[in-house]
Amino acid sequence: MLGPELGVRGGMASVQRLILDHAARGNDLIITHIATYREGPALVRCAVFVKGLVSLLRHLMRRNADVVHIHFASRGSTWRKLILTLAARIAGTPVVLHAHGGEFHQFYAGLPRLLQGFVTRLMQNGTFLLVLSDSWKRFYCEEIKFPDRRVMVLPNPVEIPAVAGNRDGKPNGTILFFGGIFNGKGIFDLIWALSQISQELRERVRLLVAGDGDVERAKDLAKTLGVKDVIEFLGWIAPEDRDRLLRESDIFVLPSYAEGLPMALLEAMAWGLPVIATPVGGNPEIITDGMNGLFVEPGDIAGLRNAIETLAASPERRRELGSAARRTVLPLDVSLYVERLTMAYESAIRIQSGGVLGESNA
């Protein structure tokens, strides 16, 4: 399995950690993880990739891998992972490509036509493709021309806590945001929306922001808009702190402009939190507006304000949406996920050996 270092921040590393943890629990999978990316200066990133490539080549030469599983996103991640894909296919080892990037379609559309063709040809070296939603499957089949029968929709996994948070009787509302502090995640829209809710509600809510990025800009905006006293910036948090916040908070908000299928959203739903999100990426295939969450369009600050006011003012509505959200993600439990992932590996091996792929696996 090739992807970012397991300590790297973000959803791709989280998915890898879940897979490796649960694959080791009595399954027949033996997975060796090879890091191909580390946060840091360009020289460090290059060194980690070269080291990962050498490690992959060593495994391929020794013929001790049945499948190579490659996680990729967009931009630099795409180019790095296509080199690895080509190396594995030259060695005759089946490759399972695993698409994560919420902005891959924008990255691909922005390439010159010649480079689009280059990406398409290299990506088609993959034996099997895992995508996060039906909408992403349509994209890769239509734009990349990846054969439909070699694509599996596999939404991100989530660990389902035994008991959701108990939020009964709480008069105030704690709003939670997990994600990078930059425009694409909608955090600045969220701060604007919070500044526009009624004064009565503003005195009863607080916003906890967990993530890193342009923190100073966010703090300056909160100060300018007069809401710095109701927003706390926590930085990047440890898993145990994440679970505590999910258990104790009342509303989860992720007003992103682009997504694959965000792990933070699935984790919030698993803890029984009512969620406010945008209908981007795979979100509409998990959330039904008004049934198990609320949708607002990206950049719709007035709509975001209204959704926050609706949930902040009604504990009953929060409980109703939160319970439905938790029921929705039960089928995404990581133990079921590993079973389907094993099916994908088996399908890739059959394709590589010239076997017929059964419809039940596609």
Protein backbone atom coordinates (compact mmCIF):
# COMPACT_ATOMS: atom_id res chain seq x y z
CA MET A 1 0.00 0.00 0.00
CA LEU A 2 1.45 3.33 -1.11
CA GLY A 3 0.36 6.74 0.12
CA PRO A 4 1.28 9.55 2.48
CA GLU A 5 3.01 8.85 5.76
CA LEU A 6 0.50 7.62 8.33
CA GLY A 7 1.10 10.65 10.54
CA VAL A 8 0.29 13.12 7.78
CA ARG A 9 -2.79 15.22 8.41
CA GLY A 10 -5.82 14.62 6.24
CA GLY A 11 -8.41 12.11 5.16
CA MET A 12 -6.16 9.95 2.97
CA ALA A 13 -3.85 9.11 5.87
CA SER A 14 -6.87 8.48 8.10
CA VAL A 15 -8.26 5.95 5.63
CA GLN A 16 -4.89 4.19 5.44
CA ARG A 17 -4.65 3.96 9.23
CA LEU A 18 -8.13 2.44 9.47
CA ILE A 19 -7.37 -0.11 6.76
CA LEU A 20 -4.05 -1.16 8.30
CA ASP A 21 -5.52 -1.37 11.78
CA HIS A 22 -8.52 -3.50 10.85
CA ALA A 23 -6.75 -5.62 8.22
CA ALA A 24 -4.54 -6.89 11.03
CA ARG A 25 -7.52 -8.14 13.04
CA GLY A 26 -7.88 -11.77 11.99
CA ASN A 27 -8.05 -11.16 8.23
CA ASP A 28 -6.02 -12.93 5.55
CA LEU A 29 -4.51 -9.64 4.39
CA ILE A 30 -0.87 -8.85 5.00
CA ILE A 31 -0.33 -5.21 4.08
CA THR A 32 3.02 -3.45 3.91
CA HIS A 33 2.71 0.33 3.88
CA ILE A 34 5.23 2.41 1.91
CA ALA A 35 5.24 6.17 2.48
CA THR A 36 5.55 8.26 -0.67
CA TYR A 37 4.79 11.71 0.78
CA ARG A 38 5.67 13.73 3.84
CA GLU A 39 4.76 17.31 4.64
CA GLY A 40 7.72 19.65 4.50
CA PRO A 41 10.12 21.39 2.08
CA ALA A 42 10.32 20.22 -1.53
CA LEU A 43 13.65 18.47 -0.92
CA VAL A 44 12.15 16.42 1.92
CA ARG A 45 9.08 15.51 -0.14
CA CYS A 46 11.30 14.45 -3.05
CA ALA A 47 13.52 12.32 -0.80
CA VAL A 48 10.52 10.51 0.71
CA PHE A 49 9.10 9.78 -2.74
CA VAL A 50 12.41 8.44 -4.08
CA LYS A 51 12.82 6.26 -0.99
CA GLY A 52 9.26 4.96 -1.48
CA LEU A 53 9.88 4.24 -5.16
CA VAL A 54 13.05 2.31 -4.36
CA SER A 55 11.21 0.31 -1.71
CA LEU A 56 8.42 -0.52 -4.17
CA LEU A 57 10.92 -1.63 -6.83
CA ARG A 58 12.63 -3.88 -4.29
CA HIS A 59 9.32 -5.57 -3.45
CA LEU A 60 8.45 -5.94 -7.12
CA MET A 61 11.81 -7.48 -7.97
CA ARG A 62 11.41 -10.02 -5.17
CA ARG A 63 7.90 -10.89 -6.36
CA ASN A 64 6.52 -10.62 -2.82
CA ALA A 65 3.43 -8.51 -3.60
CA ASP A 66 0.16 -9.88 -5.00
CA VAL A 67 -1.37 -6.42 -5.38
CA VAL A 68 -0.11 -2.84 -5.24
CA HIS A 69 -2.69 -0.48 -3.69
CA ILE A 70 -2.00 3.18 -4.54
CA HIS A 71 -3.85 6.09 -2.90
CA PHE A 72 -3.87 9.30 -4.95
CA ALA A 73 -5.40 12.76 -4.98
CA SER A 74 -4.72 15.59 -7.43
CA ARG A 75 -1.83 17.73 -8.66
CA GLY A 76 1.54 16.48 -7.38
CA SER A 77 -0.05 13.39 -5.88
CA THR A 78 -1.33 12.38 -9.32
CA TRP A 79 2.06 12.63 -11.01
CA ARG A 80 3.87 10.76 -8.22
CA LYS A 81 1.35 7.94 -8.12
CA LEU A 82 1.24 7.50 -11.91
CA ILE A 83 5.00 6.85 -11.86
CA LEU A 84 4.44 4.17 -9.22
CA THR A 85 1.56 2.69 -11.20
CA LEU A 86 3.69 2.40 -14.31
CA ALA A 87 6.49 0.70 -12.37
CA ALA A 88 4.12 -1.90 -10.90
CA ARG A 89 2.46 -2.67 -14.24
CA ILE A 90 5.82 -3.08 -16.00
CA ALA A 91 6.62 -5.64 -13.30
CA GLY A 92 3.34 -7.42 -14.05
CA THR A 93 1.77 -6.76 -10.65
CA PRO A 94 -1.91 -5.75 -10.53
CA VAL A 95 -2.56 -2.20 -9.32
CA VAL A 96 -5.57 -0.98 -7.38
CA LEU A 97 -5.81 2.78 -7.75
CA HIS A 98 -7.73 4.53 -4.99
CA ALA A 99 -9.05 8.00 -5.87
CA HIS A 100 -9.44 10.49 -3.00
CA GLY A 101 -8.97 14.01 -4.35
CA GLY A 102 -12.05 16.22 -4.13
CA GLU A 103 -10.53 18.59 -6.69
CA PHE A 104 -9.24 16.02 -9.19
CA HIS A 105 -11.86 17.00 -11.79
CA GLN A 106 -10.74 20.63 -11.59
CA PHE A 107 -7.07 19.65 -11.77
CA TYR A 108 -7.76 17.45 -14.82
CA ALA A 109 -9.88 20.07 -16.60
CA GLY A 110 -7.14 22.67 -16.11
CA LEU A 111 -4.46 20.58 -17.83
CA PRO A 112 -3.53 21.21 -21.48
CA ARG A 113 -5.09 18.60 -23.76
CA LEU A 114 -1.74 16.89 -24.32
CA LEU A 115 -1.22 16.42 -20.58
CA GLN A 116 -4.82 15.26 -20.16
CA GLY A 117 -4.10 12.50 -22.63
CA PHE A 118 -0.90 11.63 -20.81
CA VAL A 119 -2.72 11.37 -17.45
CA THR A 120 -5.47 9.30 -19.05
CA ARG A 121 -3.06 6.80 -20.60
CA LEU A 122 -1.01 6.43 -17.44
CA MET A 123 -4.08 6.04 -15.25
CA GLN A 124 -5.43 3.34 -17.51
CA ASN A 125 -2.38 1.29 -16.48
CA GLY A 126 -4.29 0.68 -13.25
CA THR A 127 -5.93 -2.74 -13.05
CA PHE A 128 -8.80 -1.71 -10.80
CA LEU A 129 -10.10 1.64 -9.56
CA LEU A 130 -11.73 2.50 -6.23
CA VAL A 131 -13.82 5.68 -6.08
CA LEU A 132 -15.76 7.32 -3.26
CA SER A 133 -19.18 7.77 -4.88
CA ASP A 134 -21.31 7.11 -7.96
CA SER A 135 -20.68 10.66 -9.18
CA TRP A 136 -16.92 10.07 -9.07
CA LYS A 137 -17.38 6.76 -10.88
CA ARG A 138 -19.18 8.60 -13.70
CA PHE A 139 -16.34 11.08 -13.91
CA TYR A 140 -13.57 8.48 -14.17
CA CYS A 141 -15.52 6.33 -16.62
CA GLU A 142 -16.54 9.23 -18.86
CA GLU A 143 -13.46 11.48 -18.69
CA ILE A 144 -10.62 9.03 -18.01
CA LYS A 145 -12.33 6.22 -20.00
CA PHE A 146 -11.69 3.73 -17.21
CA PRO A 147 -13.73 0.58 -17.96
CA ASP A 148 -16.92 0.49 -15.91
CA ARG A 149 -16.50 -3.15 -14.90
CA ARG A 150 -13.11 -2.35 -13.36
CA VAL A 151 -14.41 0.38 -11.05
CA MET A 152 -15.84 -0.16 -7.56
CA VAL A 153 -17.64 2.52 -5.54
CA LEU A 154 -16.19 2.24 -2.04
CA PRO A 155 -17.19 5.13 0.27
CA ASN A 156 -14.70 5.98 2.97
CA PRO A 157 -14.84 3.83 6.11
CA VAL A 158 -15.72 5.05 9.57
CA GLU A 159 -15.42 3.62 13.06
CA ILE A 160 -18.87 3.54 14.63
CA PRO A 161 -18.73 4.31 18.38
CA ALA A 162 -20.76 1.94 20.53
CA VAL A 163 -22.79 4.85 21.91
CA ALA A 164 -23.40 8.26 20.37
CA GLY A 165 -22.95 11.42 22.40
CA ASN A 166 -25.67 12.28 24.91
CA ARG A 167 -26.82 15.81 24.09
CA ASP A 168 -30.22 15.82 25.80
CA GLY A 169 -31.10 18.88 27.83
CA LYS A 170 -28.21 21.05 26.65
CA PRO A 171 -29.41 24.67 26.46
CA ASN A 172 -26.42 25.89 24.45
CA GLY A 173 -25.02 24.81 21.12
CA THR A 174 -21.40 23.93 20.39
CA ILE A 175 -20.68 24.10 16.66
CA LEU A 176 -17.76 22.04 15.39
CA PHE A 177 -15.63 22.48 12.26
CA PHE A 178 -12.88 20.01 11.28
CA GLY A 179 -10.72 20.78 8.28
CA GLY A 180 -8.08 22.93 6.68
CA ILE A 181 -8.36 26.66 7.31
CA PHE A 182 -8.47 27.87 3.72
CA ASN A 183 -11.11 29.07 1.26
CA GLY A 184 -11.90 25.65 -0.19
CA LYS A 185 -13.21 24.30 3.12
CA GLY A 186 -15.59 27.24 3.58
CA ILE A 187 -14.29 28.27 7.01
CA PHE A 188 -14.38 31.98 6.16
CA ASP A 189 -17.99 31.64 4.98
CA LEU A 190 -18.76 29.98 8.32
CA ILE A 191 -17.26 32.88 10.28
CA TRP A 192 -19.31 35.35 8.20
CA ALA A 193 -22.47 33.31 8.78
CA LEU A 194 -21.84 33.17 12.52
CA SER A 195 -21.53 36.95 12.62
CA GLN A 196 -24.99 37.28 11.06
CA ILE A 197 -27.03 35.03 13.36
CA SER A 198 -29.35 36.71 15.84
CA GLN A 199 -27.76 38.24 18.92
CA GLU A 200 -29.86 35.99 21.15
CA LEU A 201 -28.51 32.84 19.51
CA ARG A 202 -24.97 34.19 19.32
CA GLU A 203 -24.94 34.38 23.10
CA ARG A 204 -25.84 30.69 23.29
CA VAL A 205 -23.41 29.16 20.78
CA ARG A 206 -19.69 28.81 20.29
CA LEU A 207 -17.66 27.58 17.34
CA LEU A 208 -14.71 25.22 17.77
CA VAL A 209 -12.34 25.15 14.78
CA ALA A 210 -9.99 22.15 14.61
CA GLY A 211 -7.45 22.31 11.81
CA ASP A 212 -4.50 24.26 10.53
CA GLY A 213 -3.77 26.58 7.64
CA ASP A 214 -4.39 30.33 7.44
CA VAL A 215 -5.27 30.66 11.12
CA GLU A 216 -4.22 34.29 11.49
CA ARG A 217 -6.46 35.35 8.61
CA ALA A 218 -9.38 33.52 10.21
CA LYS A 219 -8.71 35.13 13.59
CA ASP A 220 -8.47 38.57 12.00
CA LEU A 221 -11.80 38.06 10.23
CA ALA A 222 -13.46 36.91 13.46
CA LYS A 223 -12.14 40.00 15.25
CA THR A 224 -13.27 42.32 12.45
CA LEU A 225 -16.77 40.81 12.45
CA GLY A 226 -17.09 40.93 16.24
CA VAL A 227 -17.27 37.17 16.86
CA LYS A 228 -13.78 36.41 18.16
CA ASP A 229 -15.18 35.74 21.64
CA VAL A 230 -17.40 32.88 20.40
CA ILE A 231 -14.75 31.14 18.26
CA GLU A 232 -11.92 28.99 19.57
CA PHE A 233 -9.13 27.84 17.26
CA LEU A 234 -7.77 24.50 18.47
CA GLY A 235 -5.16 23.74 15.82
CA TRP A 236 -4.67 20.16 14.65
CA ILE A 237 -5.97 17.77 17.28
CA ALA A 238 -5.15 14.20 18.36
CA PRO A 239 -7.64 11.38 17.69
CA GLU A 240 -8.68 11.18 21.35
CA ASP A 241 -9.45 14.91 21.39
CA ARG A 242 -11.34 14.54 18.12
CA ASP A 243 -13.57 11.84 19.60
CA ARG A 244 -14.19 13.88 22.75
CA LEU A 245 -15.24 16.90 20.71
CA LEU A 246 -17.51 14.81 18.52
CA ARG A 247 -19.10 13.30 21.61
CA GLU A 248 -19.65 16.61 23.38
CA SER A 249 -20.58 18.97 20.53
CA ASP A 250 -24.05 19.70 19.13
CA ILE A 251 -23.68 20.65 15.44
CA PHE A 252 -21.08 19.82 12.81
CA VAL A 253 -20.55 22.22 9.89
CA LEU A 254 -18.40 21.65 6.78
CA PRO A 255 -19.32 24.19 4.06
CA SER A 256 -16.70 22.99 1.51
CA TYR A 257 -16.45 24.01 -2.13
CA ALA A 258 -15.13 20.60 -3.25
CA GLU A 259 -14.83 17.17 -1.64
CA GLY A 260 -14.28 13.51 -2.34
CA LEU A 261 -16.17 12.09 0.62
CA PRO A 262 -14.85 13.81 3.76
CA MET A 263 -13.83 11.61 6.66
CA ALA A 264 -14.67 14.39 9.12
CA LEU A 265 -18.27 14.44 7.93
CA LEU A 266 -18.64 10.65 8.26
CA GLU A 267 -17.09 10.70 11.73
CA ALA A 268 -19.51 13.40 12.87
CA MET A 269 -22.47 11.42 11.55
CA ALA A 270 -21.20 8.27 13.30
CA TRP A 271 -21.26 10.15 16.60
CA GLY A 272 -24.87 11.18 16.01
CA LEU A 273 -24.18 14.84 15.25
CA PRO A 274 -26.55 16.79 13.01
CA VAL A 275 -24.51 18.03 10.06
CA ILE A 276 -24.61 21.07 7.81
CA ALA A 277 -22.69 20.51 4.59
CA THR A 278 -22.60 21.39 0.91
CA PRO A 279 -23.84 19.14 -1.94
CA VAL A 280 -20.39 18.58 -3.45
CA GLY A 281 -18.43 15.42 -4.29
CA GLY A 282 -19.94 12.33 -2.71
CA ASN A 283 -21.90 14.26 -0.05
CA PRO A 284 -25.29 14.02 -1.83
CA GLU A 285 -25.00 10.24 -1.86
CA ILE A 286 -24.70 10.19 1.93
CA ILE A 287 -26.87 13.13 2.99
CA THR A 288 -30.50 13.74 2.08
CA ASP A 289 -31.37 17.37 2.79
CA GLY A 290 -33.77 17.68 5.70
CA MET A 291 -33.68 13.95 6.46
CA ASN A 292 -30.24 13.24 7.94
CA GLY A 293 -28.58 16.64 7.56
CA LEU A 294 -28.94 20.08 6.01
CA PHE A 295 -27.46 21.24 2.72
CA VAL A 296 -26.40 24.75 1.76
CA GLU A 297 -24.78 25.72 -1.52
CA PRO A 298 -21.07 26.58 -1.44
CA GLY A 299 -20.62 30.28 -0.70
CA ASP A 300 -24.25 30.78 0.39
CA ILE A 301 -23.61 32.66 3.63
CA ALA A 302 -27.27 33.52 4.18
CA GLY A 303 -28.26 29.89 3.73
CA LEU A 304 -25.50 28.81 6.11
CA ARG A 305 -26.72 31.33 8.70
CA ASN A 306 -30.30 30.05 8.39
CA ALA A 307 -29.20 26.42 8.79
CA ILE A 308 -27.17 27.27 11.90
CA GLU A 309 -30.08 29.20 13.39
CA THR A 310 -32.47 26.35 12.66
CA LEU A 311 -30.37 23.79 14.52
CA ALA A 312 -29.09 26.07 17.27
CA ALA A 313 -32.68 26.99 18.20
CA SER A 314 -34.07 23.46 18.25
CA PRO A 315 -32.59 20.61 20.35
CA GLU A 316 -35.37 18.35 19.01
CA ARG A 317 -34.38 18.98 15.39
CA ARG A 318 -30.72 18.38 16.24
CA ARG A 319 -31.57 15.07 17.89
CA GLU A 320 -33.76 13.98 14.97
CA LEU A 321 -31.16 14.73 12.30
CA GLY A 322 -28.30 13.35 14.39
CA SER A 323 -30.01 10.02 14.96
CA ALA A 324 -30.78 9.69 11.24
CA ALA A 325 -27.18 10.61 10.38
CA ARG A 326 -25.82 7.85 12.60
CA ARG A 327 -28.14 5.26 11.04
CA THR A 328 -27.00 6.36 7.58
CA VAL A 329 -23.32 5.59 8.15
CA LEU A 330 -23.74 2.25 9.92
CA PRO A 331 -23.16 0.39 6.59
CA LEU A 332 -19.82 2.22 6.28
CA ASP A 333 -18.38 0.50 9.34
CA VAL A 334 -14.71 -0.23 8.73
CA SER A 335 -15.04 -4.00 9.25
CA LEU A 336 -17.47 -4.18 6.30
CA TYR A 337 -15.16 -1.89 4.35
CA VAL A 338 -12.19 -4.24 4.68
CA GLU A 339 -14.32 -7.10 3.31
CA ARG A 340 -15.14 -5.07 0.19
CA LEU A 341 -11.53 -3.95 -0.15
CA THR A 342 -10.47 -7.60 -0.16
CA MET A 343 -12.97 -8.19 -2.98
CA ALA A 344 -11.30 -5.40 -4.96
CA TYR A 345 -7.88 -6.98 -4.48
CA GLU A 346 -9.22 -10.36 -5.63
CA SER A 347 -10.83 -8.73 -8.68
CA ALA A 348 -7.55 -7.05 -9.64
CA ILE A 349 -5.71 -10.38 -9.41
CA ARG A 350 -8.33 -12.10 -11.61
CA ILE A 351 -8.16 -9.35 -14.22
CA GLN A 352 -4.37 -9.51 -14.27
CA SER A 353 -4.47 -13.27 -14.76
CA GLY A 354 -7.05 -12.99 -17.56
CA GLY A 355 -10.04 -14.13 -15.47
CA VAL A 356 -13.58 -12.79 -15.79
CA LEU A 357 -14.71 -10.16 -13.30
CA GLY A 358 -18.04 -11.02 -11.73
CA GLU A 359 -20.72 -8.37 -11.77
CA SER A 360 -21.17 -8.65 -8.01
CA ASN A 361 -17.72 -7.17 -7.50
CA ALA A 362 -18.10 -4.17 -9.77
